[in-house]
Amino acid sequence: MTARPIEHSAPATQKKQTLRRSPGWKRVLHNYELYLFILPTLVYFILFHYVPMYGVQIAFKNFIAVKGVTGSPWVGFEHFERFFESYQFITVMRNTLGISLYELLVAFPAPIVLALLLNQVTSERFKKIVQTVTYAPHFISVVVIAGMLYLFLSPKQGLVNQILVLLGMEPVFFMASPDWFKTIYVFSGIWQNIGWAAIIYLAALSGVNPDLHEAAVVDGATKLQRIRHIDLPSIMPTIVILLILNVGHLMSIGFEKVYLLQNQLNIDASEIIQTYVYKAGLMNAQFSYSAAIGLFNSVVNFILLISVNQLAKKTKQASLW
């Protein structure tokens, strides 16, 4: 006597197909728990990211506070032309792009290298110690970081200059030198964020099949060869996605740290779009002018994000959409 197979999946499959054909509101009601779960996030983005976009129009107006946004007269692209013709335009753009590209070329690969090296460490205790030491600075305030830099790089009592004097070299006033500003900004950022940024790469490396490494060891592959041919290709989609996101913020540099490290002696290398907007908008009350600069900055970032994402799609790499 042959037992007939029991078909358990047929009713569930029919239910799913029926749900797909049903109107959108029925699907929402059926999965209302999921929509309630994401509701706070949607409300946050709508209130604090989309509703304020209404005020972007002041970039095309001569904003007068007593008349409000709607009552202020239109001036078209006058504020954009003023920024492009300003003597500060070349300096601000050069400094912004210089720091951004420096950070992209040096700071972006640093956590990848750290994650690849930590992944090859066999001692779990040593790996945890290194991880703790490297990502602990991420929780230090930017104000504290700036104060530490002023102390360590002081020309008289700073630790770095004391070492230089011991080596028979002349002390350097780092914080007053425009040539050193980009290097100080980028490498202090690496020290502060390298451990935290490496976490996502370590998570991606944890998904690599151990059998691949075992087979490579049997074939006589060195650790460097295993990193190059197994680990790096495995985390390449993660690298590409984060690269696209970083390029999408190429023109957006952290305002707080630059402003705290800025002084009259290094301002030729430290005046960026964000600090320029702050001074023009808040300190000089040129709201429309600063809004125009900020809108220009956002448009450039948007174009870069779209372009790099399309380039990744054409080269058959991972992309955002």
C-alpha atoms as a PDB file:
ATOM      1  CA  MET A   1       0.000   0.000   0.000  1.00  0.00           C
ATOM      2  CA  THR A   2       1.520   3.291  -1.123  1.00  0.00           C
ATOM      3  CA  ALA A   3       1.002   6.354   1.075  1.00  0.00           C
ATOM      4  CA  ARG A   4      -0.209   9.463  -0.730  1.00  0.00           C
ATOM      5  CA  PRO A   5       1.953  12.548  -0.156  1.00  0.00           C
ATOM      6  CA  ILE A   6       0.298  15.243   1.889  1.00  0.00           C
ATOM      7  CA  GLU A   7       0.340  18.635   0.148  1.00  0.00           C
ATOM      8  CA  HIS A   8       0.857  21.207   2.850  1.00  0.00           C
ATOM      9  CA  SER A   9       2.223  24.055   0.702  1.00  0.00           C
ATOM     10  CA  ALA A  10      -0.705  24.405  -1.754  1.00  0.00           C
ATOM     11  CA  PRO A  11      -3.037  26.449   0.513  1.00  0.00           C
ATOM     12  CA  ALA A  12      -0.195  28.735   1.595  1.00  0.00           C
ATOM     13  CA  THR A  13       0.881  29.292  -2.012  1.00  0.00           C
ATOM     14  CA  GLN A  14      -2.675  30.074  -3.106  1.00  0.00           C
ATOM     15  CA  LYS A  15      -3.025  32.520  -0.185  1.00  0.00           C
ATOM     16  CA  LYS A  16       0.167  34.351  -1.221  1.00  0.00           C
ATOM     17  CA  GLN A  17      -0.946  34.576  -4.853  1.00  0.00           C
ATOM     18  CA  THR A  18      -4.363  35.905  -3.791  1.00  0.00           C
ATOM     19  CA  LEU A  19      -2.670  38.497  -1.545  1.00  0.00           C
ATOM     20  CA  ARG A  20      -0.481  39.682  -4.441  1.00  0.00           C
ATOM     21  CA  ARG A  21      -3.538  40.233  -6.645  1.00  0.00           C
ATOM     22  CA  SER A  22      -5.419  42.130  -3.935  1.00  0.00           C
ATOM     23  CA  PRO A  23      -5.436  45.962  -3.816  1.00  0.00           C
ATOM     24  CA  GLY A  24      -2.604  47.810  -2.091  1.00  0.00           C
ATOM     25  CA  TRP A  25      -4.619  48.812   0.977  1.00  0.00           C
ATOM     26  CA  LYS A  26      -5.498  45.156   1.666  1.00  0.00           C
ATOM     27  CA  ARG A  27      -1.820  44.208   1.601  1.00  0.00           C
ATOM     28  CA  VAL A  28      -1.105  47.059   3.996  1.00  0.00           C
ATOM     29  CA  LEU A  29      -3.834  45.878   6.369  1.00  0.00           C
ATOM     30  CA  HIS A  30      -2.574  42.313   6.192  1.00  0.00           C
ATOM     31  CA  ASN A  31       0.970  43.414   7.124  1.00  0.00           C
ATOM     32  CA  TYR A  32       0.029  46.344   9.350  1.00  0.00           C
ATOM     33  CA  GLU A  33       2.568  45.339  12.039  1.00  0.00           C
ATOM     34  CA  LEU A  34       5.476  45.921   9.628  1.00  0.00           C
ATOM     35  CA  TYR A  35       4.106  49.293   8.532  1.00  0.00           C
ATOM     36  CA  LEU A  36       3.629  50.369  12.151  1.00  0.00           C
ATOM     37  CA  PHE A  37       7.216  49.333  12.815  1.00  0.00           C
ATOM     38  CA  ILE A  38       8.614  51.680  10.129  1.00  0.00           C
ATOM     39  CA  LEU A  39       6.100  54.483  10.803  1.00  0.00           C
ATOM     40  CA  PRO A  40       8.326  56.439  13.278  1.00  0.00           C
ATOM     41  CA  THR A  41      11.188  56.427  10.779  1.00  0.00           C
ATOM     42  CA  LEU A  42       8.918  57.633   7.973  1.00  0.00           C
ATOM     43  CA  VAL A  43       7.504  60.397  10.183  1.00  0.00           C
ATOM     44  CA  TYR A  44      11.039  61.467  11.148  1.00  0.00           C
ATOM     45  CA  PHE A  45      12.200  61.770   7.532  1.00  0.00           C
ATOM     46  CA  ILE A  46       9.033  63.540   6.445  1.00  0.00           C
ATOM     47  CA  LEU A  47       9.138  66.109   9.273  1.00  0.00           C
ATOM     48  CA  PHE A  48      12.869  66.794   9.440  1.00  0.00           C
ATOM     49  CA  HIS A  49      14.078  66.090   5.886  1.00  0.00           C
ATOM     50  CA  TYR A  50      11.237  66.696   3.424  1.00  0.00           C
ATOM     51  CA  VAL A  51       9.096  69.398   5.042  1.00  0.00           C
ATOM     52  CA  PRO A  52      12.126  71.744   5.544  1.00  0.00           C
ATOM     53  CA  MET A  53      12.789  71.519   1.787  1.00  0.00           C
ATOM     54  CA  TYR A  54      10.007  74.090   1.461  1.00  0.00           C
ATOM     55  CA  GLY A  55      12.491  76.684   2.705  1.00  0.00           C
ATOM     56  CA  VAL A  56      14.968  75.983  -0.120  1.00  0.00           C
ATOM     57  CA  GLN A  57      13.148  78.594  -2.185  1.00  0.00           C
ATOM     58  CA  ILE A  58      14.817  81.389  -0.187  1.00  0.00           C
ATOM     59  CA  ALA A  59      17.947  80.598  -2.243  1.00  0.00           C
ATOM     60  CA  PHE A  60      16.089  82.246  -5.153  1.00  0.00           C
ATOM     61  CA  LYS A  61      14.678  85.108  -3.086  1.00  0.00           C
ATOM     62  CA  ASN A  62      15.937  88.117  -1.195  1.00  0.00           C
ATOM     63  CA  PHE A  63      14.772  86.740   2.122  1.00  0.00           C
ATOM     64  CA  ILE A  64      13.465  89.324   4.593  1.00  0.00           C
ATOM     65  CA  ALA A  65      12.525  87.900   7.982  1.00  0.00           C
ATOM     66  CA  VAL A  66       9.584  90.222   8.619  1.00  0.00           C
ATOM     67  CA  LYS A  67       8.030  89.327   5.242  1.00  0.00           C
ATOM     68  CA  GLY A  68       8.581  85.613   5.605  1.00  0.00           C
ATOM     69  CA  VAL A  69       9.404  83.057   2.923  1.00  0.00           C
ATOM     70  CA  THR A  70       6.345  83.698   0.761  1.00  0.00           C
ATOM     71  CA  GLY A  71       6.461  87.499   1.051  1.00  0.00           C
ATOM     72  CA  SER A  72      10.144  87.926   0.143  1.00  0.00           C
ATOM     73  CA  PRO A  73      10.806  89.069  -3.456  1.00  0.00           C
ATOM     74  CA  TRP A  74      12.230  86.687  -6.085  1.00  0.00           C
ATOM     75  CA  VAL A  75      15.732  87.413  -7.386  1.00  0.00           C
ATOM     76  CA  GLY A  76      16.339  84.286  -9.479  1.00  0.00           C
ATOM     77  CA  PHE A  77      19.954  83.072  -9.637  1.00  0.00           C
ATOM     78  CA  GLU A  78      21.442  86.287  -8.266  1.00  0.00           C
ATOM     79  CA  HIS A  79      22.895  84.647  -5.136  1.00  0.00           C
ATOM     80  CA  PHE A  80      24.411  81.785  -7.137  1.00  0.00           C
ATOM     81  CA  GLU A  81      26.077  84.227  -9.519  1.00  0.00           C
ATOM     82  CA  ARG A  82      27.373  86.211  -6.557  1.00  0.00           C
ATOM     83  CA  PHE A  83      28.980  83.080  -5.102  1.00  0.00           C
ATOM     84  CA  PHE A  84      30.524  82.001  -8.408  1.00  0.00           C
ATOM     85  CA  GLU A  85      31.972  85.488  -8.974  1.00  0.00           C
ATOM     86  CA  SER A  86      33.212  85.850  -5.393  1.00  0.00           C
ATOM     87  CA  TYR A  87      36.958  85.969  -4.791  1.00  0.00           C
ATOM     88  CA  GLN A  88      36.402  83.267  -2.133  1.00  0.00           C
ATOM     89  CA  PHE A  89      34.897  80.786  -4.612  1.00  0.00           C
ATOM     90  CA  ILE A  90      38.180  79.327  -5.882  1.00  0.00           C
ATOM     91  CA  THR A  91      39.666  79.092  -2.374  1.00  0.00           C
ATOM     92  CA  VAL A  92      36.573  77.494  -0.848  1.00  0.00           C
ATOM     93  CA  MET A  93      36.159  74.945  -3.653  1.00  0.00           C
ATOM     94  CA  ARG A  94      39.876  74.103  -3.706  1.00  0.00           C
ATOM     95  CA  ASN A  95      39.961  73.481   0.029  1.00  0.00           C
ATOM     96  CA  THR A  96      36.704  71.499   0.076  1.00  0.00           C
ATOM     97  CA  LEU A  97      37.691  69.243  -2.811  1.00  0.00           C
ATOM     98  CA  GLY A  98      41.279  68.946  -1.559  1.00  0.00           C
ATOM     99  CA  ILE A  99      40.273  67.717   1.894  1.00  0.00           C
ATOM    100  CA  SER A 100      37.515  65.466   0.493  1.00  0.00           C
ATOM    101  CA  LEU A 101      39.743  63.763  -2.076  1.00  0.00           C
ATOM    102  CA  TYR A 102      42.580  63.425   0.447  1.00  0.00           C
ATOM    103  CA  GLU A 103      40.163  61.786   2.865  1.00  0.00           C
ATOM    104  CA  LEU A 104      38.723  59.517   0.158  1.00  0.00           C
ATOM    105  CA  LEU A 105      42.152  58.334  -1.008  1.00  0.00           C
ATOM    106  CA  VAL A 106      43.713  57.838   2.444  1.00  0.00           C
ATOM    107  CA  ALA A 107      40.954  57.459   5.032  1.00  0.00           C
ATOM    108  CA  PHE A 108      38.569  55.274   3.012  1.00  0.00           C
ATOM    109  CA  PRO A 109      40.985  52.330   2.450  1.00  0.00           C
ATOM    110  CA  ALA A 110      42.317  52.418   6.042  1.00  0.00           C
ATOM    111  CA  PRO A 111      39.440  50.478   7.720  1.00  0.00           C
ATOM    112  CA  ILE A 112      39.471  47.962   4.859  1.00  0.00           C
ATOM    113  CA  VAL A 113      43.146  47.218   5.496  1.00  0.00           C
ATOM    114  CA  LEU A 114      42.554  46.989   9.249  1.00  0.00           C
ATOM    115  CA  ALA A 115      39.633  44.585   8.790  1.00  0.00           C
ATOM    116  CA  LEU A 116      41.610  42.367   6.405  1.00  0.00           C
ATOM    117  CA  LEU A 117      44.548  42.216   8.822  1.00  0.00           C
ATOM    118  CA  LEU A 118      42.369  41.527  11.861  1.00  0.00           C
ATOM    119  CA  ASN A 119      40.596  38.771   9.973  1.00  0.00           C
ATOM    120  CA  GLN A 120      43.913  36.925   9.629  1.00  0.00           C
ATOM    121  CA  VAL A 121      44.701  37.111  13.357  1.00  0.00           C
ATOM    122  CA  THR A 122      44.247  33.715  15.043  1.00  0.00           C
ATOM    123  CA  SER A 123      44.280  34.946  18.639  1.00  0.00           C
ATOM    124  CA  GLU A 124      40.731  35.996  19.546  1.00  0.00           C
ATOM    125  CA  ARG A 125      41.924  37.804  22.672  1.00  0.00           C
ATOM    126  CA  PHE A 126      44.423  39.925  20.744  1.00  0.00           C
ATOM    127  CA  LYS A 127      41.796  40.669  18.084  1.00  0.00           C
ATOM    128  CA  LYS A 128      39.311  41.899  20.694  1.00  0.00           C
ATOM    129  CA  ILE A 129      41.947  44.101  22.337  1.00  0.00           C
ATOM    130  CA  VAL A 130      42.865  45.691  18.998  1.00  0.00           C
ATOM    131  CA  GLN A 131      39.218  46.231  18.102  1.00  0.00           C
ATOM    132  CA  THR A 132      38.480  47.872  21.454  1.00  0.00           C
ATOM    133  CA  VAL A 133      41.532  50.132  21.260  1.00  0.00           C
ATOM    134  CA  THR A 134      40.840  51.199  17.670  1.00  0.00           C
ATOM    135  CA  TYR A 135      37.125  51.954  17.910  1.00  0.00           C
ATOM    136  CA  ALA A 136      37.151  53.555  21.373  1.00  0.00           C
ATOM    137  CA  PRO A 137      38.260  56.990  19.977  1.00  0.00           C
ATOM    138  CA  HIS A 138      35.056  57.102  17.922  1.00  0.00           C
ATOM    139  CA  PHE A 139      33.137  57.970  21.098  1.00  0.00           C
ATOM    140  CA  ILE A 140      35.360  60.944  21.933  1.00  0.00           C
ATOM    141  CA  SER A 141      33.751  64.325  21.310  1.00  0.00           C
ATOM    142  CA  VAL A 142      35.012  66.382  18.371  1.00  0.00           C
ATOM    143  CA  VAL A 143      35.670  69.255  20.783  1.00  0.00           C
ATOM    144  CA  VAL A 144      37.910  66.991  22.882  1.00  0.00           C
ATOM    145  CA  ILE A 145      39.708  65.764  19.744  1.00  0.00           C
ATOM    146  CA  ALA A 146      40.435  69.350  18.714  1.00  0.00           C
ATOM    147  CA  GLY A 147      41.753  70.144  22.202  1.00  0.00           C
ATOM    148  CA  MET A 148      43.991  67.070  22.122  1.00  0.00           C
ATOM    149  CA  LEU A 149      45.407  68.113  18.749  1.00  0.00           C
ATOM    150  CA  TYR A 150      46.239  71.585  20.051  1.00  0.00           C
ATOM    151  CA  LEU A 151      48.001  70.032  23.068  1.00  0.00           C
ATOM    152  CA  PHE A 152      49.936  67.355  21.201  1.00  0.00           C
ATOM    153  CA  LEU A 153      50.976  69.704  18.378  1.00  0.00           C
ATOM    154  CA  SER A 154      51.872  72.713  20.533  1.00  0.00           C
ATOM    155  CA  PRO A 155      55.195  74.227  19.364  1.00  0.00           C
ATOM    156  CA  LYS A 156      56.561  74.491  22.929  1.00  0.00           C
ATOM    157  CA  GLN A 157      55.013  71.779  25.095  1.00  0.00           C
ATOM    158  CA  GLY A 158      53.484  69.454  22.518  1.00  0.00           C
ATOM    159  CA  LEU A 159      54.559  65.809  22.546  1.00  0.00           C
ATOM    160  CA  VAL A 160      55.217  65.739  18.796  1.00  0.00           C
ATOM    161  CA  ASN A 161      57.504  68.771  18.850  1.00  0.00           C
ATOM    162  CA  GLN A 162      59.356  67.483  21.910  1.00  0.00           C
ATOM    163  CA  ILE A 163      60.143  64.309  19.957  1.00  0.00           C
ATOM    164  CA  LEU A 164      61.289  66.398  17.003  1.00  0.00           C
ATOM    165  CA  VAL A 165      63.625  68.421  19.270  1.00  0.00           C
ATOM    166  CA  LEU A 166      65.067  65.199  20.725  1.00  0.00           C
ATOM    167  CA  LEU A 167      65.804  64.064  17.186  1.00  0.00           C
ATOM    168  CA  GLY A 168      67.679  67.306  16.536  1.00  0.00           C
ATOM    169  CA  MET A 169      64.955  68.932  14.437  1.00  0.00           C
ATOM    170  CA  GLU A 170      63.307  72.319  14.729  1.00  0.00           C
ATOM    171  CA  PRO A 171      59.815  72.515  16.301  1.00  0.00           C
ATOM    172  CA  VAL A 172      56.952  73.090  13.895  1.00  0.00           C
ATOM    173  CA  PHE A 173      53.884  75.238  14.579  1.00  0.00           C
ATOM    174  CA  PHE A 174      51.523  72.717  12.965  1.00  0.00           C
ATOM    175  CA  MET A 175      48.230  74.453  13.752  1.00  0.00           C
ATOM    176  CA  ALA A 176      49.414  77.715  12.203  1.00  0.00           C
ATOM    177  CA  SER A 177      50.667  76.154   8.982  1.00  0.00           C
ATOM    178  CA  PRO A 178      48.227  75.918   6.028  1.00  0.00           C
ATOM    179  CA  ASP A 179      50.381  73.158   4.510  1.00  0.00           C
ATOM    180  CA  TRP A 180      49.758  70.871   7.495  1.00  0.00           C
ATOM    181  CA  PHE A 181      46.034  71.469   7.957  1.00  0.00           C
ATOM    182  CA  LYS A 182      44.719  68.819   5.523  1.00  0.00           C
ATOM    183  CA  THR A 183      47.100  66.172   6.852  1.00  0.00           C
ATOM    184  CA  ILE A 184      46.182  66.909  10.478  1.00  0.00           C
ATOM    185  CA  TYR A 185      42.462  66.806   9.676  1.00  0.00           C
ATOM    186  CA  VAL A 186      42.586  63.561   7.681  1.00  0.00           C
ATOM    187  CA  PHE A 187      44.926  61.533   9.886  1.00  0.00           C
ATOM    188  CA  SER A 188      43.232  62.590  13.114  1.00  0.00           C
ATOM    189  CA  GLY A 189      40.001  61.412  11.500  1.00  0.00           C
ATOM    190  CA  ILE A 190      41.581  58.071  10.644  1.00  0.00           C
ATOM    191  CA  TRP A 191      42.711  57.639  14.249  1.00  0.00           C
ATOM    192  CA  GLN A 192      39.241  58.462  15.518  1.00  0.00           C
ATOM    193  CA  ASN A 193      37.128  56.426  13.075  1.00  0.00           C
ATOM    194  CA  ILE A 194      39.215  53.583  11.653  1.00  0.00           C
ATOM    195  CA  GLY A 195      38.099  50.999  14.216  1.00  0.00           C
ATOM    196  CA  TRP A 196      34.440  51.941  14.004  1.00  0.00           C
ATOM    197  CA  ALA A 197      34.436  51.914  10.184  1.00  0.00           C
ATOM    198  CA  ALA A 198      36.169  48.513  10.142  1.00  0.00           C
ATOM    199  CA  ILE A 199      33.232  46.841  11.922  1.00  0.00           C
ATOM    200  CA  ILE A 200      31.115  46.601   8.772  1.00  0.00           C
ATOM    201  CA  TYR A 201      33.996  45.037   6.833  1.00  0.00           C
ATOM    202  CA  LEU A 202      34.645  42.537   9.621  1.00  0.00           C
ATOM    203  CA  ALA A 203      30.958  41.618   9.500  1.00  0.00           C
ATOM    204  CA  ALA A 204      31.237  41.052   5.744  1.00  0.00           C
ATOM    205  CA  LEU A 205      34.377  38.947   6.195  1.00  0.00           C
ATOM    206  CA  SER A 206      32.611  36.760   8.749  1.00  0.00           C
ATOM    207  CA  GLY A 207      30.357  35.571   5.926  1.00  0.00           C
ATOM    208  CA  VAL A 208      33.239  34.217   3.836  1.00  0.00           C
ATOM    209  CA  ASN A 209      33.100  30.422   3.490  1.00  0.00           C
ATOM    210  CA  PRO A 210      35.931  28.897   5.620  1.00  0.00           C
ATOM    211  CA  ASP A 211      36.224  26.042   3.114  1.00  0.00           C
ATOM    212  CA  LEU A 212      37.737  28.477   0.632  1.00  0.00           C
ATOM    213  CA  HIS A 213      40.575  29.305   3.025  1.00  0.00           C
ATOM    214  CA  GLU A 214      41.101  25.634   3.886  1.00  0.00           C
ATOM    215  CA  ALA A 215      41.354  24.744   0.206  1.00  0.00           C
ATOM    216  CA  ALA A 216      43.744  27.652  -0.383  1.00  0.00           C
ATOM    217  CA  VAL A 217      45.981  26.529   2.516  1.00  0.00           C
ATOM    218  CA  VAL A 218      46.067  22.996   1.107  1.00  0.00           C
ATOM    219  CA  ASP A 219      47.140  24.419  -2.259  1.00  0.00           C
ATOM    220  CA  GLY A 220      49.963  26.322  -0.534  1.00  0.00           C
ATOM    221  CA  ALA A 221      48.537  29.848  -0.706  1.00  0.00           C
ATOM    222  CA  THR A 222      50.108  32.437   1.570  1.00  0.00           C
ATOM    223  CA  LYS A 223      48.065  34.775   3.783  1.00  0.00           C
ATOM    224  CA  LEU A 224      48.603  37.625   1.341  1.00  0.00           C
ATOM    225  CA  GLN A 225      47.357  35.492  -1.537  1.00  0.00           C
ATOM    226  CA  ARG A 226      44.290  34.438   0.466  1.00  0.00           C
ATOM    227  CA  ILE A 227      43.519  38.078   1.244  1.00  0.00           C
ATOM    228  CA  ARG A 228      43.899  39.053  -2.391  1.00  0.00           C
ATOM    229  CA  HIS A 229      41.957  36.203  -3.991  1.00  0.00           C
ATOM    230  CA  ILE A 230      39.374  35.277  -1.316  1.00  0.00           C
ATOM    231  CA  ASP A 231      38.758  38.000   1.278  1.00  0.00           C
ATOM    232  CA  LEU A 232      38.983  41.068  -0.960  1.00  0.00           C
ATOM    233  CA  PRO A 233      36.647  39.772  -3.717  1.00  0.00           C
ATOM    234  CA  SER A 234      34.176  38.604  -1.048  1.00  0.00           C
ATOM    235  CA  ILE A 235      33.797  42.059   0.499  1.00  0.00           C
ATOM    236  CA  MET A 236      34.013  43.969  -2.803  1.00  0.00           C
ATOM    237  CA  PRO A 237      30.219  44.598  -2.985  1.00  0.00           C
ATOM    238  CA  THR A 238      30.353  46.163   0.492  1.00  0.00           C
ATOM    239  CA  ILE A 239      33.363  48.281  -0.500  1.00  0.00           C
ATOM    240  CA  VAL A 240      31.636  49.528  -3.661  1.00  0.00           C
ATOM    241  CA  ILE A 241      28.409  50.453  -1.831  1.00  0.00           C
ATOM    242  CA  LEU A 242      30.311  52.403   0.838  1.00  0.00           C
ATOM    243  CA  LEU A 243      32.450  54.044  -1.844  1.00  0.00           C
ATOM    244  CA  ILE A 244      29.315  55.252  -3.635  1.00  0.00           C
ATOM    245  CA  LEU A 245      27.951  56.671  -0.378  1.00  0.00           C
ATOM    246  CA  ASN A 246      31.265  58.384   0.383  1.00  0.00           C
ATOM    247  CA  VAL A 247      31.454  59.956  -3.070  1.00  0.00           C
ATOM    248  CA  GLY A 248      27.863  61.132  -2.584  1.00  0.00           C
ATOM    249  CA  HIS A 249      29.113  63.154   0.390  1.00  0.00           C
ATOM    250  CA  LEU A 250      32.304  64.334  -1.300  1.00  0.00           C
ATOM    251  CA  MET A 251      31.427  68.007  -0.911  1.00  0.00           C
ATOM    252  CA  SER A 252      30.174  67.610   2.669  1.00  0.00           C
ATOM    253  CA  ILE A 253      32.956  67.812   5.235  1.00  0.00           C
ATOM    254  CA  GLY A 254      32.386  67.809   8.967  1.00  0.00           C
ATOM    255  CA  PHE A 255      31.858  71.443   9.912  1.00  0.00           C
ATOM    256  CA  GLU A 256      32.581  71.178  13.645  1.00  0.00           C
ATOM    257  CA  LYS A 257      36.116  69.815  13.449  1.00  0.00           C
ATOM    258  CA  VAL A 258      37.249  72.157  10.672  1.00  0.00           C
ATOM    259  CA  TYR A 259      35.811  75.173  12.483  1.00  0.00           C
ATOM    260  CA  LEU A 260      37.464  74.188  15.778  1.00  0.00           C
ATOM    261  CA  LEU A 261      40.869  73.733  14.118  1.00  0.00           C
ATOM    262  CA  GLN A 262      40.546  76.883  12.024  1.00  0.00           C
ATOM    263  CA  ASN A 263      42.403  80.093  12.868  1.00  0.00           C
ATOM    264  CA  GLN A 264      43.561  83.199  11.049  1.00  0.00           C
ATOM    265  CA  LEU A 265      46.927  81.634  10.252  1.00  0.00           C
ATOM    266  CA  ASN A 266      45.665  78.503   8.515  1.00  0.00           C
ATOM    267  CA  ILE A 267      42.427  79.894   7.063  1.00  0.00           C
ATOM    268  CA  ASP A 268      43.825  79.775   3.523  1.00  0.00           C
ATOM    269  CA  ALA A 269      43.701  75.973   3.750  1.00  0.00           C
ATOM    270  CA  SER A 270      40.799  75.534   6.185  1.00  0.00           C
ATOM    271  CA  GLU A 271      38.030  77.696   4.725  1.00  0.00           C
ATOM    272  CA  ILE A 272      35.552  75.203   3.234  1.00  0.00           C
ATOM    273  CA  ILE A 273      31.964  75.475   2.018  1.00  0.00           C
ATOM    274  CA  GLN A 274      30.502  74.551   5.402  1.00  0.00           C
ATOM    275  CA  THR A 275      32.454  77.153   7.383  1.00  0.00           C
ATOM    276  CA  TYR A 276      31.849  79.767   4.684  1.00  0.00           C
ATOM    277  CA  VAL A 277      28.088  79.114   4.801  1.00  0.00           C
ATOM    278  CA  TYR A 278      28.118  79.361   8.599  1.00  0.00           C
ATOM    279  CA  LYS A 279      29.870  82.719   8.548  1.00  0.00           C
ATOM    280  CA  ALA A 280      27.749  84.121   5.735  1.00  0.00           C
ATOM    281  CA  GLY A 281      24.427  82.767   6.969  1.00  0.00           C
ATOM    282  CA  LEU A 282      24.530  82.951  10.747  1.00  0.00           C
ATOM    283  CA  MET A 283      27.248  85.471  11.558  1.00  0.00           C
ATOM    284  CA  ASN A 284      26.443  87.937   8.739  1.00  0.00           C
ATOM    285  CA  ALA A 285      22.711  87.112   8.472  1.00  0.00           C
ATOM    286  CA  GLN A 286      22.904  86.564   4.689  1.00  0.00           C
ATOM    287  CA  PHE A 287      20.312  83.801   4.748  1.00  0.00           C
ATOM    288  CA  SER A 288      19.467  83.683   1.052  1.00  0.00           C
ATOM    289  CA  TYR A 289      23.117  83.757   0.019  1.00  0.00           C
ATOM    290  CA  SER A 290      24.062  80.911   2.378  1.00  0.00           C
ATOM    291  CA  ALA A 291      20.992  78.903   1.297  1.00  0.00           C
ATOM    292  CA  ALA A 292      22.092  79.236  -2.334  1.00  0.00           C
ATOM    293  CA  ILE A 293      25.578  77.950  -1.496  1.00  0.00           C
ATOM    294  CA  GLY A 294      24.140  75.054   0.486  1.00  0.00           C
ATOM    295  CA  LEU A 295      21.786  74.152  -2.376  1.00  0.00           C
ATOM    296  CA  PHE A 296      24.674  74.235  -4.840  1.00  0.00           C
ATOM    297  CA  ASN A 297      26.626  71.913  -2.545  1.00  0.00           C
ATOM    298  CA  SER A 298      23.704  69.464  -2.297  1.00  0.00           C
ATOM    299  CA  VAL A 299      23.142  69.430  -6.069  1.00  0.00           C
ATOM    300  CA  VAL A 300      26.814  68.626  -6.714  1.00  0.00           C
ATOM    301  CA  ASN A 301      26.663  65.769  -4.176  1.00  0.00           C
ATOM    302  CA  PHE A 302      23.491  64.446  -5.796  1.00  0.00           C
ATOM    303  CA  ILE A 303      25.056  64.481  -9.280  1.00  0.00           C
ATOM    304  CA  LEU A 304      28.158  62.698  -7.984  1.00  0.00           C
ATOM    305  CA  LEU A 305      26.032  60.046  -6.249  1.00  0.00           C
ATOM    306  CA  ILE A 306      23.983  59.342  -9.392  1.00  0.00           C
ATOM    307  CA  SER A 307      27.077  59.297 -11.629  1.00  0.00           C
ATOM    308  CA  VAL A 308      29.107  56.915  -9.480  1.00  0.00           C
ATOM    309  CA  ASN A 309      26.123  54.626  -8.972  1.00  0.00           C
ATOM    310  CA  GLN A 310      25.566  54.442 -12.751  1.00  0.00           C
ATOM    311  CA  LEU A 311      29.271  53.787 -13.290  1.00  0.00           C
ATOM    312  CA  ALA A 312      29.118  50.908 -10.794  1.00  0.00           C
ATOM    313  CA  LYS A 313      26.112  49.426 -12.625  1.00  0.00           C
ATOM    314  CA  LYS A 314      27.862  49.652 -15.991  1.00  0.00           C
ATOM    315  CA  THR A 315      30.952  47.893 -14.626  1.00  0.00           C
ATOM    316  CA  LYS A 316      28.743  45.091 -13.194  1.00  0.00           C
ATOM    317  CA  GLN A 317      29.511  46.065  -9.597  1.00  0.00           C
ATOM    318  CA  ALA A 318      27.137  46.397  -6.669  1.00  0.00           C
ATOM    319  CA  SER A 319      25.017  49.556  -6.719  1.00  0.00           C
ATOM    320  CA  LEU A 320      22.436  51.320  -4.586  1.00  0.00           C
ATOM    321  CA  TRP A 321      19.635  50.776  -7.106  1.00  0.00           C
END
